[in-house]
Amino acid sequence: MGKQKKLILVDSNIIIDFWKKPTASSRKIFEDENIAVCGIIQAELIHGAKTDNELSRIVKALDELIFFDIDREDWIVIGKFLNKLRKKGITVPFQDAIIAYIAVKYDAYLWSNDQHFKIIQTNVKQLRLFQL
């Protein structure tokens, strides 16, 4: 039996780097693992499109990936999570807190170059960060 694939929520900074200058190691991850995005990541990538053609290519590429969604109850948990961090004197970008929450909700690794996720991880032990 083969190795079980990892489920990895990939942040926009990793995807942009991969699209601009793919490395052999990042290509292997995108090919061999289960790669997911969420609404915030999808919106960030689409927002960065410079032409309609590029926008269409981005949408098509994202359509090939697993999509993690959230529902109304999740927003309450996210709000409580942000409140808990604030009370500890920790501030992180709102979108990063949501992305971290989604990774935990779907029991996925989170792959990002953003240092805010390491801060979040010190307070949310369930958050698993993926690194090459």
N, C-alpha and C. Protein backbone atom coordinates (compact mmCIF):
# COMPACT_ATOMS: atom_id res chain seq x y z
N MET A 1 0.84 -1.17 0.00
CA MET A 1 0.00 0.00 0.00
C MET A 1 0.89 1.25 0.00
N GLY A 2 0.52 2.26 -0.80
CA GLY A 2 1.31 3.48 -0.92
C GLY A 2 1.14 4.41 0.26
N LYS A 3 1.97 5.40 0.26
CA LYS A 3 1.94 6.42 1.31
C LYS A 3 0.63 7.21 1.20
N GLN A 4 0.01 7.48 2.34
CA GLN A 4 -1.23 8.25 2.34
C GLN A 4 -0.92 9.71 2.04
N LYS A 5 -1.74 10.30 1.18
CA LYS A 5 -1.53 11.70 0.80
C LYS A 5 -1.89 12.62 1.95
N LYS A 6 -1.12 13.69 2.07
CA LYS A 6 -1.44 14.73 3.04
C LYS A 6 -2.50 15.65 2.46
N LEU A 7 -3.34 16.18 3.33
CA LEU A 7 -4.30 17.20 2.95
C LEU A 7 -3.69 18.53 3.36
N ILE A 8 -3.43 19.41 2.38
CA ILE A 8 -2.70 20.65 2.65
C ILE A 8 -3.48 21.85 2.14
N LEU A 9 -3.80 22.76 3.06
CA LEU A 9 -4.39 24.05 2.69
C LEU A 9 -3.22 24.96 2.33
N VAL A 10 -3.18 25.43 1.08
CA VAL A 10 -2.04 26.19 0.59
C VAL A 10 -2.40 27.68 0.53
N ASP A 11 -1.60 28.48 1.20
CA ASP A 11 -1.82 29.93 1.25
C ASP A 11 -1.47 30.56 -0.10
N SER A 12 -2.04 31.73 -0.33
CA SER A 12 -1.83 32.41 -1.61
C SER A 12 -0.37 32.69 -1.90
N ASN A 13 0.44 33.01 -0.88
CA ASN A 13 1.85 33.32 -1.13
C ASN A 13 2.60 32.12 -1.70
N ILE A 14 2.25 30.92 -1.29
CA ILE A 14 2.89 29.70 -1.81
C ILE A 14 2.45 29.47 -3.25
N ILE A 15 1.16 29.65 -3.52
CA ILE A 15 0.65 29.44 -4.87
C ILE A 15 1.26 30.46 -5.84
N ILE A 16 1.34 31.71 -5.44
CA ILE A 16 1.94 32.75 -6.29
C ILE A 16 3.39 32.41 -6.59
N ASP A 17 4.14 32.03 -5.57
CA ASP A 17 5.54 31.63 -5.78
C ASP A 17 5.63 30.45 -6.75
N PHE A 18 4.73 29.48 -6.59
CA PHE A 18 4.73 28.30 -7.44
C PHE A 18 4.41 28.67 -8.88
N TRP A 19 3.42 29.55 -9.08
CA TRP A 19 3.07 29.96 -10.44
C TRP A 19 4.19 30.76 -11.09
N LYS A 20 4.88 31.59 -10.32
CA LYS A 20 5.94 32.44 -10.88
C LYS A 20 7.22 31.66 -11.13
N LYS A 21 7.61 30.84 -10.17
CA LYS A 21 8.90 30.14 -10.27
C LYS A 21 8.81 28.81 -9.52
N PRO A 22 8.21 27.80 -10.17
CA PRO A 22 8.06 26.51 -9.49
C PRO A 22 9.41 25.82 -9.28
N THR A 23 9.58 25.28 -8.10
CA THR A 23 10.77 24.49 -7.82
C THR A 23 10.39 23.02 -7.95
N ALA A 24 11.38 22.17 -8.08
CA ALA A 24 11.12 20.73 -8.19
C ALA A 24 10.41 20.23 -6.94
N SER A 25 10.83 20.72 -5.77
CA SER A 25 10.22 20.23 -4.52
C SER A 25 8.78 20.72 -4.38
N SER A 26 8.50 21.97 -4.75
CA SER A 26 7.11 22.45 -4.64
C SER A 26 6.23 21.76 -5.69
N ARG A 27 6.76 21.54 -6.87
CA ARG A 27 5.99 20.83 -7.91
C ARG A 27 5.59 19.43 -7.43
N LYS A 28 6.53 18.76 -6.76
CA LYS A 28 6.25 17.41 -6.25
C LYS A 28 5.11 17.44 -5.23
N ILE A 29 5.09 18.45 -4.36
CA ILE A 29 4.02 18.57 -3.37
C ILE A 29 2.69 18.79 -4.07
N PHE A 30 2.65 19.71 -5.03
CA PHE A 30 1.40 19.99 -5.76
C PHE A 30 0.92 18.76 -6.53
N GLU A 31 1.84 17.94 -7.01
CA GLU A 31 1.46 16.75 -7.78
C GLU A 31 1.09 15.57 -6.89
N ASP A 32 1.78 15.43 -5.76
CA ASP A 32 1.63 14.21 -4.95
C ASP A 32 0.65 14.30 -3.79
N GLU A 33 0.33 15.51 -3.36
CA GLU A 33 -0.51 15.66 -2.17
C GLU A 33 -1.90 16.20 -2.55
N ASN A 34 -2.83 16.15 -1.60
CA ASN A 34 -4.17 16.71 -1.80
C ASN A 34 -4.12 18.19 -1.43
N ILE A 35 -4.19 19.05 -2.43
CA ILE A 35 -4.02 20.48 -2.25
C ILE A 35 -5.39 21.16 -2.21
N ALA A 36 -5.56 22.04 -1.21
CA ALA A 36 -6.84 22.72 -1.02
C ALA A 36 -6.63 24.23 -0.91
N VAL A 37 -7.70 24.95 -1.20
CA VAL A 37 -7.77 26.40 -0.97
C VAL A 37 -9.09 26.68 -0.27
N CYS A 38 -9.22 27.90 0.22
CA CYS A 38 -10.49 28.33 0.81
C CYS A 38 -10.88 29.64 0.13
N GLY A 39 -12.03 30.17 0.49
CA GLY A 39 -12.54 31.37 -0.16
C GLY A 39 -11.61 32.56 -0.09
N ILE A 40 -11.00 32.79 1.07
CA ILE A 40 -10.10 33.94 1.22
C ILE A 40 -8.90 33.81 0.29
N ILE A 41 -8.31 32.64 0.24
CA ILE A 41 -7.15 32.41 -0.61
C ILE A 41 -7.55 32.57 -2.08
N GLN A 42 -8.68 31.99 -2.42
CA GLN A 42 -9.18 32.09 -3.80
C GLN A 42 -9.39 33.56 -4.17
N ALA A 43 -10.04 34.32 -3.30
CA ALA A 43 -10.31 35.74 -3.57
C ALA A 43 -9.01 36.54 -3.69
N GLU A 44 -8.03 36.25 -2.83
CA GLU A 44 -6.75 36.96 -2.90
C GLU A 44 -6.07 36.73 -4.25
N LEU A 45 -6.09 35.49 -4.72
CA LEU A 45 -5.44 35.17 -5.99
C LEU A 45 -6.17 35.81 -7.17
N ILE A 46 -7.48 35.75 -7.17
CA ILE A 46 -8.27 36.35 -8.25
C ILE A 46 -8.10 37.87 -8.23
N HIS A 47 -8.07 38.46 -7.06
CA HIS A 47 -7.88 39.90 -6.90
C HIS A 47 -6.59 40.37 -7.56
N GLY A 48 -5.57 39.54 -7.55
CA GLY A 48 -4.27 39.92 -8.11
C GLY A 48 -4.16 39.80 -9.62
N ALA A 49 -5.18 39.29 -10.29
CA ALA A 49 -5.11 39.13 -11.76
C ALA A 49 -4.98 40.49 -12.43
N LYS A 50 -4.08 40.55 -13.41
CA LYS A 50 -3.84 41.82 -14.10
C LYS A 50 -4.65 41.95 -15.39
N THR A 51 -5.07 40.83 -15.98
CA THR A 51 -5.86 40.87 -17.20
C THR A 51 -7.03 39.89 -17.07
N ASP A 52 -8.01 40.03 -17.95
CA ASP A 52 -9.14 39.10 -17.95
C ASP A 52 -8.68 37.68 -18.27
N ASN A 53 -7.69 37.57 -19.16
CA ASN A 53 -7.16 36.26 -19.52
C ASN A 53 -6.49 35.61 -18.31
N GLU A 54 -5.70 36.39 -17.59
CA GLU A 54 -5.04 35.88 -16.38
C GLU A 54 -6.09 35.48 -15.34
N LEU A 55 -7.12 36.30 -15.19
CA LEU A 55 -8.20 35.99 -14.24
C LEU A 55 -8.84 34.65 -14.60
N SER A 56 -9.12 34.43 -15.87
CA SER A 56 -9.73 33.17 -16.31
C SER A 56 -8.81 31.99 -16.01
N ARG A 57 -7.51 32.16 -16.25
CA ARG A 57 -6.56 31.08 -15.97
C ARG A 57 -6.49 30.77 -14.49
N ILE A 58 -6.53 31.80 -13.66
CA ILE A 58 -6.50 31.60 -12.20
C ILE A 58 -7.73 30.83 -11.74
N VAL A 59 -8.89 31.26 -12.20
CA VAL A 59 -10.14 30.59 -11.81
C VAL A 59 -10.10 29.12 -12.24
N LYS A 60 -9.64 28.86 -13.45
CA LYS A 60 -9.56 27.48 -13.97
C LYS A 60 -8.58 26.65 -13.13
N ALA A 61 -7.43 27.22 -12.80
CA ALA A 61 -6.43 26.50 -12.00
C ALA A 61 -6.98 26.19 -10.61
N LEU A 62 -7.65 27.16 -10.00
CA LEU A 62 -8.20 26.96 -8.65
C LEU A 62 -9.32 25.92 -8.65
N ASP A 63 -10.03 25.83 -9.75
CA ASP A 63 -11.12 24.87 -9.86
C ASP A 63 -10.62 23.43 -9.78
N GLU A 64 -9.34 23.23 -10.04
CA GLU A 64 -8.74 21.89 -9.99
C GLU A 64 -8.40 21.46 -8.56
N LEU A 65 -8.44 22.41 -7.62
CA LEU A 65 -8.05 22.12 -6.24
C LEU A 65 -9.27 21.84 -5.37
N ILE A 66 -9.03 21.21 -4.24
CA ILE A 66 -10.07 20.97 -3.25
C ILE A 66 -10.47 22.33 -2.68
N PHE A 67 -11.76 22.52 -2.41
CA PHE A 67 -12.22 23.79 -1.85
C PHE A 67 -12.81 23.56 -0.47
N PHE A 68 -12.29 24.28 0.52
CA PHE A 68 -12.80 24.23 1.89
C PHE A 68 -13.72 25.43 2.10
N ASP A 69 -14.93 25.15 2.53
CA ASP A 69 -15.90 26.21 2.78
C ASP A 69 -16.19 26.29 4.27
N ILE A 70 -16.80 27.38 4.69
CA ILE A 70 -17.21 27.53 6.08
C ILE A 70 -18.66 27.97 6.12
N ASP A 71 -19.30 27.72 7.25
CA ASP A 71 -20.71 28.08 7.38
C ASP A 71 -20.92 29.05 8.53
N ARG A 72 -22.15 29.36 8.79
CA ARG A 72 -22.49 30.40 9.76
C ARG A 72 -21.93 30.13 11.16
N GLU A 73 -22.01 28.90 11.62
CA GLU A 73 -21.52 28.57 12.96
C GLU A 73 -20.01 28.78 13.07
N ASP A 74 -19.31 28.57 11.96
CA ASP A 74 -17.86 28.77 11.98
C ASP A 74 -17.48 30.20 12.33
N TRP A 75 -18.28 31.16 11.91
CA TRP A 75 -17.97 32.57 12.18
C TRP A 75 -17.99 32.87 13.68
N ILE A 76 -18.85 32.18 14.42
CA ILE A 76 -18.89 32.35 15.87
C ILE A 76 -17.60 31.83 16.49
N VAL A 77 -17.17 30.66 16.04
CA VAL A 77 -15.93 30.08 16.55
C VAL A 77 -14.74 30.97 16.19
N ILE A 78 -14.71 31.48 14.98
CA ILE A 78 -13.63 32.37 14.55
C ILE A 78 -13.62 33.63 15.42
N GLY A 79 -14.79 34.20 15.68
CA GLY A 79 -14.88 35.38 16.54
C GLY A 79 -14.36 35.10 17.94
N LYS A 80 -14.72 33.96 18.52
CA LYS A 80 -14.23 33.59 19.85
C LYS A 80 -12.72 33.38 19.85
N PHE A 81 -12.23 32.78 18.78
CA PHE A 81 -10.81 32.54 18.64
C PHE A 81 -10.05 33.87 18.59
N LEU A 82 -10.53 34.81 17.79
CA LEU A 82 -9.89 36.13 17.69
C LEU A 82 -9.97 36.86 19.03
N ASN A 83 -11.09 36.71 19.72
CA ASN A 83 -11.27 37.34 21.03
C ASN A 83 -10.25 36.80 22.03
N LYS A 84 -10.07 35.47 22.01
CA LYS A 84 -9.10 34.82 22.90
C LYS A 84 -7.69 35.33 22.63
N LEU A 85 -7.32 35.43 21.35
CA LEU A 85 -5.99 35.93 21.01
C LEU A 85 -5.82 37.38 21.46
N ARG A 86 -6.83 38.20 21.22
CA ARG A 86 -6.77 39.62 21.60
C ARG A 86 -6.57 39.77 23.10
N LYS A 87 -7.28 38.95 23.88
CA LYS A 87 -7.14 39.01 25.34
C LYS A 87 -5.74 38.62 25.80
N LYS A 88 -5.04 37.85 24.99
CA LYS A 88 -3.65 37.47 25.30
C LYS A 88 -2.66 38.50 24.75
N GLY A 89 -3.20 39.56 24.13
CA GLY A 89 -2.34 40.59 23.56
C GLY A 89 -1.78 40.24 22.19
N ILE A 90 -2.38 39.26 21.54
CA ILE A 90 -1.89 38.81 20.23
C ILE A 90 -2.83 39.32 19.15
N THR A 91 -2.27 40.03 18.20
CA THR A 91 -3.07 40.47 17.05
C THR A 91 -2.48 39.89 15.79
N VAL A 92 -3.33 39.29 15.01
CA VAL A 92 -2.95 38.74 13.71
C VAL A 92 -3.98 39.22 12.70
N PRO A 93 -3.61 39.28 11.43
CA PRO A 93 -4.59 39.68 10.43
C PRO A 93 -5.83 38.77 10.46
N PHE A 94 -6.97 39.41 10.32
CA PHE A 94 -8.26 38.72 10.35
C PHE A 94 -8.27 37.53 9.39
N GLN A 95 -7.79 37.75 8.15
CA GLN A 95 -7.83 36.67 7.16
C GLN A 95 -6.93 35.51 7.55
N ASP A 96 -5.82 35.78 8.23
CA ASP A 96 -4.95 34.68 8.66
C ASP A 96 -5.60 33.84 9.75
N ALA A 97 -6.34 34.47 10.63
CA ALA A 97 -7.06 33.73 11.66
C ALA A 97 -8.10 32.81 11.03
N ILE A 98 -8.78 33.30 10.00
CA ILE A 98 -9.78 32.48 9.31
C ILE A 98 -9.12 31.31 8.60
N ILE A 99 -8.02 31.58 7.91
CA ILE A 99 -7.31 30.51 7.20
C ILE A 99 -6.82 29.44 8.19
N ALA A 100 -6.27 29.87 9.31
CA ALA A 100 -5.82 28.91 10.33
C ALA A 100 -6.99 28.09 10.85
N TYR A 101 -8.12 28.75 11.12
CA TYR A 101 -9.31 28.05 11.59
C TYR A 101 -9.74 26.99 10.58
N ILE A 102 -9.75 27.35 9.31
CA ILE A 102 -10.19 26.41 8.27
C ILE A 102 -9.27 25.20 8.21
N ALA A 103 -7.96 25.43 8.33
CA ALA A 103 -7.02 24.30 8.33
C ALA A 103 -7.32 23.34 9.47
N VAL A 104 -7.58 23.91 10.66
CA VAL A 104 -7.90 23.07 11.83
C VAL A 104 -9.24 22.36 11.62
N LYS A 105 -10.23 23.09 11.14
CA LYS A 105 -11.57 22.51 10.93
C LYS A 105 -11.51 21.29 10.01
N TYR A 106 -10.72 21.38 8.95
CA TYR A 106 -10.65 20.29 7.97
C TYR A 106 -9.50 19.33 8.25
N ASP A 107 -8.83 19.49 9.40
CA ASP A 107 -7.72 18.63 9.80
C ASP A 107 -6.66 18.57 8.70
N ALA A 108 -6.34 19.74 8.15
CA ALA A 108 -5.36 19.84 7.07
C ALA A 108 -4.10 20.53 7.58
N TYR A 109 -3.02 20.24 6.94
CA TYR A 109 -1.79 21.02 7.17
C TYR A 109 -2.00 22.38 6.52
N LEU A 110 -1.31 23.39 7.03
CA LEU A 110 -1.34 24.72 6.44
C LEU A 110 0.06 25.03 5.92
N TRP A 111 0.15 25.36 4.63
CA TRP A 111 1.43 25.65 4.00
C TRP A 111 1.47 27.12 3.65
N SER A 112 2.33 27.87 4.32
CA SER A 112 2.41 29.31 4.12
C SER A 112 3.81 29.81 4.49
N ASN A 113 4.17 30.94 3.91
CA ASN A 113 5.41 31.61 4.30
C ASN A 113 5.15 32.70 5.32
N ASP A 114 3.90 32.89 5.69
CA ASP A 114 3.48 33.97 6.59
C ASP A 114 3.79 33.60 8.04
N GLN A 115 4.54 34.45 8.70
CA GLN A 115 4.96 34.18 10.08
C GLN A 115 3.81 34.28 11.09
N HIS A 116 2.69 34.91 10.71
CA HIS A 116 1.55 35.00 11.64
C HIS A 116 1.05 33.63 12.05
N PHE A 117 1.19 32.66 11.15
CA PHE A 117 0.67 31.33 11.46
C PHE A 117 1.47 30.64 12.57
N LYS A 118 2.75 30.95 12.67
CA LYS A 118 3.56 30.41 13.78
C LYS A 118 3.09 31.00 15.10
N ILE A 119 2.73 32.27 15.08
CA ILE A 119 2.18 32.92 16.29
C ILE A 119 0.85 32.26 16.67
N ILE A 120 0.01 32.05 15.67
CA ILE A 120 -1.28 31.42 15.92
C ILE A 120 -1.06 30.01 16.48
N GLN A 121 -0.10 29.28 15.90
CA GLN A 121 0.15 27.90 16.32
C GLN A 121 0.57 27.81 17.79
N THR A 122 1.24 28.82 18.31
CA THR A 122 1.62 28.77 19.73
C THR A 122 0.40 28.78 20.64
N ASN A 123 -0.73 29.25 20.12
CA ASN A 123 -1.97 29.30 20.90
C ASN A 123 -3.01 28.29 20.44
N VAL A 124 -2.80 27.70 19.30
CA VAL A 124 -3.72 26.69 18.76
C VAL A 124 -2.88 25.48 18.37
N LYS A 125 -2.74 24.58 19.30
CA LYS A 125 -1.85 23.42 19.11
C LYS A 125 -2.34 22.50 17.99
N GLN A 126 -3.64 22.55 17.65
CA GLN A 126 -4.17 21.69 16.59
C GLN A 126 -3.72 22.14 15.20
N LEU A 127 -3.22 23.38 15.08
CA LEU A 127 -2.79 23.91 13.80
C LEU A 127 -1.46 23.25 13.43
N ARG A 128 -1.49 22.53 12.30
CA ARG A 128 -0.28 21.84 11.82
C ARG A 128 0.26 22.61 10.61
N LEU A 129 1.49 23.06 10.71
CA LEU A 129 2.10 23.81 9.62
C LEU A 129 2.94 22.87 8.78
N PHE A 130 2.83 23.04 7.47
CA PHE A 130 3.59 22.24 6.52
C PHE A 130 4.76 23.06 6.03
N GLN A 131 5.93 22.42 5.93
CA GLN A 131 7.12 23.08 5.40
C GLN A 131 7.86 22.14 4.50
N LEU A 132 8.47 22.69 3.46
CA LEU A 132 9.29 21.88 2.57
C LEU A 132 10.58 21.49 3.26
